[in-house]
Amino acid sequence: MKIFRVYYSRRFKKSLQAHRSAKEIIKDKIELFIKDPFNPQLKTHKLTGKLAGFWSFSVSFHLRVLFEFIDSETAGFVDIGTHEIYH
């Protein structure tokens, strides 16, 4: 099993503070991502348009993580939030 490295942007860390109430589920989903970024539970998908090159996965029905693959073993988490992070 390949383990991914994850880097957190300053923006991600700041946005994370706004979602402290979902701390446990966020932690669980990040751990799942580290083990397998394409686990079906995450609903990982490539973005298009102005966010082409970025990816997203679901934490909950409303909460998403915006990220990019840096290389084959590393991802950079850019932001976390509702669908507003796409705008």
Protein backbone atom coordinates (compact mmCIF):
# COMPACT_ATOMS: atom_id res chain seq x y z
CA MET A 1 0.00 0.00 0.00
CA LYS A 2 1.38 3.40 -1.03
CA ILE A 3 1.23 6.15 1.59
CA PHE A 4 0.78 9.68 0.28
CA ARG A 5 2.52 12.72 1.71
CA VAL A 6 0.26 15.70 2.21
CA TYR A 7 1.24 19.34 2.51
CA TYR A 8 -1.18 21.93 3.87
CA SER A 9 -1.27 25.47 2.50
CA ARG A 10 -1.68 28.44 4.82
CA ARG A 11 -5.14 28.98 3.27
CA PHE A 12 -6.13 25.37 4.02
CA LYS A 13 -5.02 25.69 7.65
CA LYS A 14 -6.96 28.93 8.06
CA SER A 15 -10.13 27.48 6.47
CA LEU A 16 -9.78 24.38 8.64
CA GLN A 17 -10.24 26.54 11.74
CA ALA A 18 -13.70 27.54 10.48
CA HIS A 19 -14.73 23.87 10.39
CA ARG A 20 -13.62 22.78 13.86
CA SER A 21 -17.02 21.20 14.50
CA ALA A 22 -16.24 18.62 11.78
CA LYS A 23 -12.72 17.95 13.11
CA GLU A 24 -13.12 14.17 13.53
CA ILE A 25 -14.64 13.47 10.12
CA ILE A 26 -12.04 15.71 8.44
CA LYS A 27 -9.26 13.81 10.22
CA ASP A 28 -10.78 10.46 9.19
CA LYS A 29 -11.12 11.48 5.53
CA ILE A 30 -7.55 12.83 5.39
CA GLU A 31 -6.27 9.53 6.82
CA LEU A 32 -8.31 7.69 4.18
CA PHE A 33 -6.83 9.95 1.47
CA ILE A 34 -3.29 9.27 2.68
CA LYS A 35 -3.89 5.52 2.34
CA ASP A 36 -5.72 5.76 -1.01
CA PRO A 37 -6.53 9.10 -2.69
CA PHE A 38 -9.03 7.36 -4.95
CA ASN A 39 -10.97 5.47 -2.30
CA PRO A 40 -14.60 5.48 -3.50
CA GLN A 41 -15.75 6.94 -0.17
CA LEU A 42 -13.89 10.16 -1.02
CA LYS A 43 -15.49 10.69 -4.43
CA THR A 44 -12.20 12.14 -5.68
CA HIS A 45 -12.59 13.97 -8.97
CA LYS A 46 -10.64 16.22 -11.32
CA LEU A 47 -11.88 19.78 -11.67
CA THR A 48 -12.36 21.67 -14.92
CA GLY A 49 -12.57 25.27 -16.09
CA LYS A 50 -10.62 27.85 -14.11
CA LEU A 51 -9.67 25.11 -11.61
CA ALA A 52 -8.26 22.73 -14.23
CA GLY A 53 -5.25 20.98 -12.72
CA PHE A 54 -6.86 20.80 -9.30
CA TRP A 55 -8.78 17.94 -7.72
CA SER A 56 -11.38 17.67 -5.00
CA PHE A 57 -12.65 15.05 -2.58
CA SER A 58 -15.69 14.95 -0.33
CA VAL A 59 -15.44 15.11 3.44
CA SER A 60 -19.20 15.25 3.94
CA PHE A 61 -22.26 16.16 1.89
CA HIS A 62 -21.31 19.86 1.96
CA LEU A 63 -17.60 19.89 2.81
CA ARG A 64 -14.87 19.46 0.16
CA VAL A 65 -11.08 19.52 0.08
CA LEU A 66 -9.45 21.27 -2.87
CA PHE A 67 -6.00 19.86 -3.67
CA GLU A 68 -3.40 19.28 -6.34
CA PHE A 69 -1.08 16.38 -7.02
CA ILE A 70 2.51 17.58 -6.71
CA ASP A 71 4.00 14.27 -7.83
CA SER A 72 3.06 10.58 -7.76
CA GLU A 73 3.45 10.41 -3.96
CA THR A 74 2.57 13.94 -2.80
CA ALA A 75 -0.52 16.13 -2.67
CA GLY A 76 -0.92 19.74 -1.62
CA PHE A 77 -4.16 20.63 0.14
CA VAL A 78 -5.16 24.11 -1.03
CA ASP A 79 -8.50 24.77 0.73
CA ILE A 80 -11.39 23.18 2.59
CA GLY A 81 -14.99 24.33 2.61
CA THR A 82 -18.36 24.16 0.87
CA HIS A 83 -18.75 24.47 -2.89
CA GLU A 84 -17.81 28.16 -2.41
CA ILE A 85 -14.13 27.11 -2.52
CA TYR A 86 -14.58 26.55 -6.26
CA HIS A 87 -15.39 30.23 -6.93
